[in-house]
Amino acid sequence: TAYYNKTKMESEKIIEKKEQKLKAINDILNQSIEPQMQKLDADRRRYIAFKDK
């Protein structure tokens, strides 16, 4: 079962690397993209309110 343990450890390392990349992507989304999307949504709402007057 040494081969199994080796394969398991390698798989766990790969999963850990993937989780780190996913966390980095989520951080970028939360810090950069989400605030920009909220700003654009607010701008759109103001434009629609202005256009309807």
PDB file of N, CA and C in Angstrom:
ATOM      1  N   THR A   1       0.801  -1.204   0.000  1.00  0.00           N
ATOM      2  CA  THR A   1       0.000   0.000   0.000  1.00  0.00           C
ATOM      3  C   THR A   1       0.847   1.274   0.000  1.00  0.00           C
ATOM      4  N   ALA A   2       2.128   1.126  -0.186  1.00  0.00           N
ATOM      5  CA  ALA A   2       2.999   2.300  -0.253  1.00  0.00           C
ATOM      6  C   ALA A   2       2.650   3.134  -1.483  1.00  0.00           C
ATOM      7  N   TYR A   3       2.342   2.447  -2.579  1.00  0.00           N
ATOM      8  CA  TYR A   3       1.964   3.161  -3.799  1.00  0.00           C
ATOM      9  C   TYR A   3       0.687   3.961  -3.572  1.00  0.00           C
ATOM     10  N   TYR A   4      -0.262   3.351  -2.868  1.00  0.00           N
ATOM     11  CA  TYR A   4      -1.522   4.034  -2.566  1.00  0.00           C
ATOM     12  C   TYR A   4      -1.263   5.290  -1.744  1.00  0.00           C
ATOM     13  N   ASN A   5      -0.436   5.164  -0.713  1.00  0.00           N
ATOM     14  CA  ASN A   5      -0.139   6.319   0.137  1.00  0.00           C
ATOM     15  C   ASN A   5       0.575   7.412  -0.642  1.00  0.00           C
ATOM     16  N   LYS A   6       1.488   7.026  -1.527  1.00  0.00           N
ATOM     17  CA  LYS A   6       2.206   8.008  -2.344  1.00  0.00           C
ATOM     18  C   LYS A   6       1.228   8.740  -3.258  1.00  0.00           C
ATOM     19  N   THR A   7       0.370   7.995  -3.914  1.00  0.00           N
ATOM     20  CA  THR A   7      -0.615   8.579  -4.816  1.00  0.00           C
ATOM     21  C   THR A   7      -1.579   9.485  -4.056  1.00  0.00           C
ATOM     22  N   LYS A   8      -1.969   9.043  -2.873  1.00  0.00           N
ATOM     23  CA  LYS A   8      -2.880   9.835  -2.048  1.00  0.00           C
ATOM     24  C   LYS A   8      -2.231  11.156  -1.660  1.00  0.00           C
ATOM     25  N   MET A   9      -0.983  11.135  -1.249  1.00  0.00           N
ATOM     26  CA  MET A   9      -0.283  12.356  -0.859  1.00  0.00           C
ATOM     27  C   MET A   9      -0.134  13.300  -2.048  1.00  0.00           C
ATOM     28  N   GLU A  10       0.191  12.761  -3.216  1.00  0.00           N
ATOM     29  CA  GLU A  10       0.316  13.588  -4.419  1.00  0.00           C
ATOM     30  C   GLU A  10      -1.025  14.229  -4.767  1.00  0.00           C
ATOM     31  N   SER A  11      -2.073  13.462  -4.654  1.00  0.00           N
ATOM     32  CA  SER A  11      -3.411  13.987  -4.948  1.00  0.00           C
ATOM     33  C   SER A  11      -3.793  15.086  -3.965  1.00  0.00           C
ATOM     34  N   GLU A  12      -3.466  14.892  -2.701  1.00  0.00           N
ATOM     35  CA  GLU A  12      -3.771  15.911  -1.697  1.00  0.00           C
ATOM     36  C   GLU A  12      -2.995  17.197  -1.968  1.00  0.00           C
ATOM     37  N   LYS A  13      -1.752  17.079  -2.419  1.00  0.00           N
ATOM     38  CA  LYS A  13      -0.959  18.262  -2.761  1.00  0.00           C
ATOM     39  C   LYS A  13      -1.586  19.004  -3.937  1.00  0.00           C
ATOM     40  N   ILE A  14      -2.032  18.259  -4.932  1.00  0.00           N
ATOM     41  CA  ILE A  14      -2.665  18.870  -6.104  1.00  0.00           C
ATOM     42  C   ILE A  14      -3.946  19.588  -5.686  1.00  0.00           C
ATOM     43  N   ILE A  15      -4.737  18.938  -4.849  1.00  0.00           N
ATOM     44  CA  ILE A  15      -5.983  19.552  -4.382  1.00  0.00           C
ATOM     45  C   ILE A  15      -5.686  20.819  -3.597  1.00  0.00           C
ATOM     46  N   GLU A  16      -4.653  20.792  -2.762  1.00  0.00           N
ATOM     47  CA  GLU A  16      -4.288  21.971  -1.982  1.00  0.00           C
ATOM     48  C   GLU A  16      -3.882  23.128  -2.898  1.00  0.00           C
ATOM     49  N   LYS A  17      -3.107  22.839  -3.944  1.00  0.00           N
ATOM     50  CA  LYS A  17      -2.711  23.882  -4.897  1.00  0.00           C
ATOM     51  C   LYS A  17      -3.933  24.457  -5.601  1.00  0.00           C
ATOM     52  N   LYS A  18      -4.849  23.592  -6.002  1.00  0.00           N
ATOM     53  CA  LYS A  18      -6.063  24.048  -6.682  1.00  0.00           C
ATOM     54  C   LYS A  18      -6.908  24.918  -5.754  1.00  0.00           C
ATOM     55  N   GLU A  19      -6.987  24.537  -4.484  1.00  0.00           N
ATOM     56  CA  GLU A  19      -7.756  25.326  -3.526  1.00  0.00           C
ATOM     57  C   GLU A  19      -7.124  26.696  -3.315  1.00  0.00           C
ATOM     58  N   GLN A  20      -5.790  26.763  -3.320  1.00  0.00           N
ATOM     59  CA  GLN A  20      -5.109  28.050  -3.191  1.00  0.00           C
ATOM     60  C   GLN A  20      -5.416  28.943  -4.389  1.00  0.00           C
ATOM     61  N   LYS A  21      -5.396  28.370  -5.584  1.00  0.00           N
ATOM     62  CA  LYS A  21      -5.722  29.143  -6.783  1.00  0.00           C
ATOM     63  C   LYS A  21      -7.170  29.625  -6.732  1.00  0.00           C
ATOM     64  N   LEU A  22      -8.064  28.753  -6.297  1.00  0.00           N
ATOM     65  CA  LEU A  22      -9.474  29.117  -6.186  1.00  0.00           C
ATOM     66  C   LEU A  22      -9.665  30.238  -5.175  1.00  0.00           C
ATOM     67  N   LYS A  23      -8.957  30.175  -4.058  1.00  0.00           N
ATOM     68  CA  LYS A  23      -9.042  31.223  -3.047  1.00  0.00           C
ATOM     69  C   LYS A  23      -8.538  32.550  -3.612  1.00  0.00           C
ATOM     70  N   ALA A  24      -7.453  32.505  -4.385  1.00  0.00           N
ATOM     71  CA  ALA A  24      -6.925  33.730  -4.991  1.00  0.00           C
ATOM     72  C   ALA A  24      -7.944  34.329  -5.958  1.00  0.00           C
ATOM     73  N   ILE A  25      -8.583  33.494  -6.745  1.00  0.00           N
ATOM     74  CA  ILE A  25      -9.593  33.972  -7.692  1.00  0.00           C
ATOM     75  C   ILE A  25     -10.773  34.582  -6.940  1.00  0.00           C
ATOM     76  N   ASN A  26     -11.214  33.924  -5.876  1.00  0.00           N
ATOM     77  CA  ASN A  26     -12.325  34.460  -5.084  1.00  0.00           C
ATOM     78  C   ASN A  26     -11.956  35.785  -4.440  1.00  0.00           C
ATOM     79  N   ASP A  27     -10.712  35.913  -3.984  1.00  0.00           N
ATOM     80  CA  ASP A  27     -10.264  37.183  -3.401  1.00  0.00           C
ATOM     81  C   ASP A  27     -10.316  38.298  -4.441  1.00  0.00           C
ATOM     82  N   ILE A  28      -9.864  38.004  -5.652  1.00  0.00           N
ATOM     83  CA  ILE A  28      -9.899  39.000  -6.728  1.00  0.00           C
ATOM     84  C   ILE A  28     -11.344  39.395  -7.026  1.00  0.00           C
ATOM     85  N   LEU A  29     -12.216  38.398  -7.091  1.00  0.00           N
ATOM     86  CA  LEU A  29     -13.630  38.688  -7.341  1.00  0.00           C
ATOM     87  C   LEU A  29     -14.205  39.594  -6.262  1.00  0.00           C
ATOM     88  N   ASN A  30     -13.932  39.255  -5.016  1.00  0.00           N
ATOM     89  CA  ASN A  30     -14.519  40.012  -3.910  1.00  0.00           C
ATOM     90  C   ASN A  30     -13.916  41.400  -3.772  1.00  0.00           C
ATOM     91  N   GLN A  31     -12.645  41.568  -4.085  1.00  0.00           N
ATOM     92  CA  GLN A  31     -11.980  42.844  -3.868  1.00  0.00           C
ATOM     93  C   GLN A  31     -12.077  43.777  -5.068  1.00  0.00           C
ATOM     94  N   SER A  32     -12.066  43.251  -6.257  1.00  0.00           N
ATOM     95  CA  SER A  32     -12.004  44.103  -7.441  1.00  0.00           C
ATOM     96  C   SER A  32     -13.296  44.106  -8.244  1.00  0.00           C
ATOM     97  N   ILE A  33     -13.732  42.949  -8.605  1.00  0.00           N
ATOM     98  CA  ILE A  33     -14.826  42.854  -9.566  1.00  0.00           C
ATOM     99  C   ILE A  33     -16.176  43.140  -8.915  1.00  0.00           C
ATOM    100  N   GLU A  34     -16.417  42.609  -7.735  1.00  0.00           N
ATOM    101  CA  GLU A  34     -17.715  42.807  -7.080  1.00  0.00           C
ATOM    102  C   GLU A  34     -18.012  44.282  -6.804  1.00  0.00           C
ATOM    103  N   PRO A  35     -17.072  45.063  -6.242  1.00  0.00           N
ATOM    104  CA  PRO A  35     -17.368  46.491  -6.051  1.00  0.00           C
ATOM    105  C   PRO A  35     -17.636  47.224  -7.369  1.00  0.00           C
ATOM    106  N   GLN A  36     -16.908  46.866  -8.412  1.00  0.00           N
ATOM    107  CA  GLN A  36     -17.124  47.487  -9.717  1.00  0.00           C
ATOM    108  C   GLN A  36     -18.511  47.138 -10.246  1.00  0.00           C
ATOM    109  N   MET A  37     -18.926  45.889 -10.071  1.00  0.00           N
ATOM    110  CA  MET A  37     -20.258  45.483 -10.521  1.00  0.00           C
ATOM    111  C   MET A  37     -21.343  46.225  -9.740  1.00  0.00           C
ATOM    112  N   GLN A  38     -21.141  46.420  -8.445  1.00  0.00           N
ATOM    113  CA  GLN A  38     -22.114  47.164  -7.647  1.00  0.00           C
ATOM    114  C   GLN A  38     -22.196  48.609  -8.116  1.00  0.00           C
ATOM    115  N   LYS A  39     -21.053  49.205  -8.429  1.00  0.00           N
ATOM    116  CA  LYS A  39     -21.032  50.587  -8.918  1.00  0.00           C
ATOM    117  C   LYS A  39     -21.769  50.688 -10.251  1.00  0.00           C
ATOM    118  N   LEU A  40     -21.491  49.758 -11.148  1.00  0.00           N
ATOM    119  CA  LEU A  40     -22.155  49.777 -12.447  1.00  0.00           C
ATOM    120  C   LEU A  40     -23.663  49.570 -12.300  1.00  0.00           C
ATOM    121  N   ASP A  41     -24.067  48.702 -11.393  1.00  0.00           N
ATOM    122  CA  ASP A  41     -25.490  48.483 -11.162  1.00  0.00           C
ATOM    123  C   ASP A  41     -26.149  49.753 -10.631  1.00  0.00           C
ATOM    124  N   ALA A  42     -25.477  50.441  -9.714  1.00  0.00           N
ATOM    125  CA  ALA A  42     -26.022  51.697  -9.187  1.00  0.00           C
ATOM    126  C   ALA A  42     -26.112  52.741 -10.294  1.00  0.00           C
ATOM    127  N   ASP A  43     -25.079  52.818 -11.143  1.00  0.00           N
ATOM    128  CA  ASP A  43     -25.108  53.758 -12.267  1.00  0.00           C
ATOM    129  C   ASP A  43     -26.262  53.440 -13.214  1.00  0.00           C
ATOM    130  N   ARG A  44     -26.478  52.169 -13.481  1.00  0.00           N
ATOM    131  CA  ARG A  44     -27.565  51.747 -14.367  1.00  0.00           C
ATOM    132  C   ARG A  44     -28.916  52.143 -13.778  1.00  0.00           C
ATOM    133  N   ARG A  45     -29.078  51.923 -12.485  1.00  0.00           N
ATOM    134  CA  ARG A  45     -30.344  52.284 -11.833  1.00  0.00           C
ATOM    135  C   ARG A  45     -30.585  53.790 -11.895  1.00  0.00           C
ATOM    136  N   ARG A  46     -29.518  54.573 -11.674  1.00  0.00           N
ATOM    137  CA  ARG A  46     -29.663  56.033 -11.748  1.00  0.00           C
ATOM    138  C   ARG A  46     -30.014  56.458 -13.170  1.00  0.00           C
ATOM    139  N   TYR A  47     -29.400  55.822 -14.161  1.00  0.00           N
ATOM    140  CA  TYR A  47     -29.690  56.157 -15.558  1.00  0.00           C
ATOM    141  C   TYR A  47     -31.144  55.839 -15.894  1.00  0.00           C
ATOM    142  N   ILE A  48     -31.601  54.676 -15.467  1.00  0.00           N
ATOM    143  CA  ILE A  48     -32.988  54.296 -15.750  1.00  0.00           C
ATOM    144  C   ILE A  48     -33.948  55.269 -15.078  1.00  0.00           C
ATOM    145  N   ALA A  49     -33.650  55.653 -13.841  1.00  0.00           N
ATOM    146  CA  ALA A  49     -34.507  56.614 -13.136  1.00  0.00           C
ATOM    147  C   ALA A  49     -34.487  57.960 -13.847  1.00  0.00           C
ATOM    148  N   PHE A  50     -33.326  58.373 -14.337  1.00  0.00           N
ATOM    149  CA  PHE A  50     -33.201  59.641 -15.050  1.00  0.00           C
ATOM    150  C   PHE A  50     -33.954  59.591 -16.377  1.00  0.00           C
ATOM    151  N   LYS A  51     -33.823  58.475 -17.086  1.00  0.00           N
ATOM    152  CA  LYS A  51     -34.444  58.318 -18.393  1.00  0.00           C
ATOM    153  C   LYS A  51     -35.968  58.308 -18.284  1.00  0.00           C
ATOM    154  N   ASP A  52     -36.496  57.762 -17.210  1.00  0.00           N
ATOM    155  CA  ASP A  52     -37.943  57.650 -17.043  1.00  0.00           C
ATOM    156  C   ASP A  52     -38.598  58.960 -16.642  1.00  0.00           C
ATOM    157  N   LYS A  53     -37.827  59.949 -16.245  1.00  0.00           N
ATOM    158  CA  LYS A  53     -38.424  61.226 -15.818  1.00  0.00           C
ATOM    159  C   LYS A  53     -38.935  62.021 -16.983  1.00  0.00           C
TER     160      LYS A  53
END
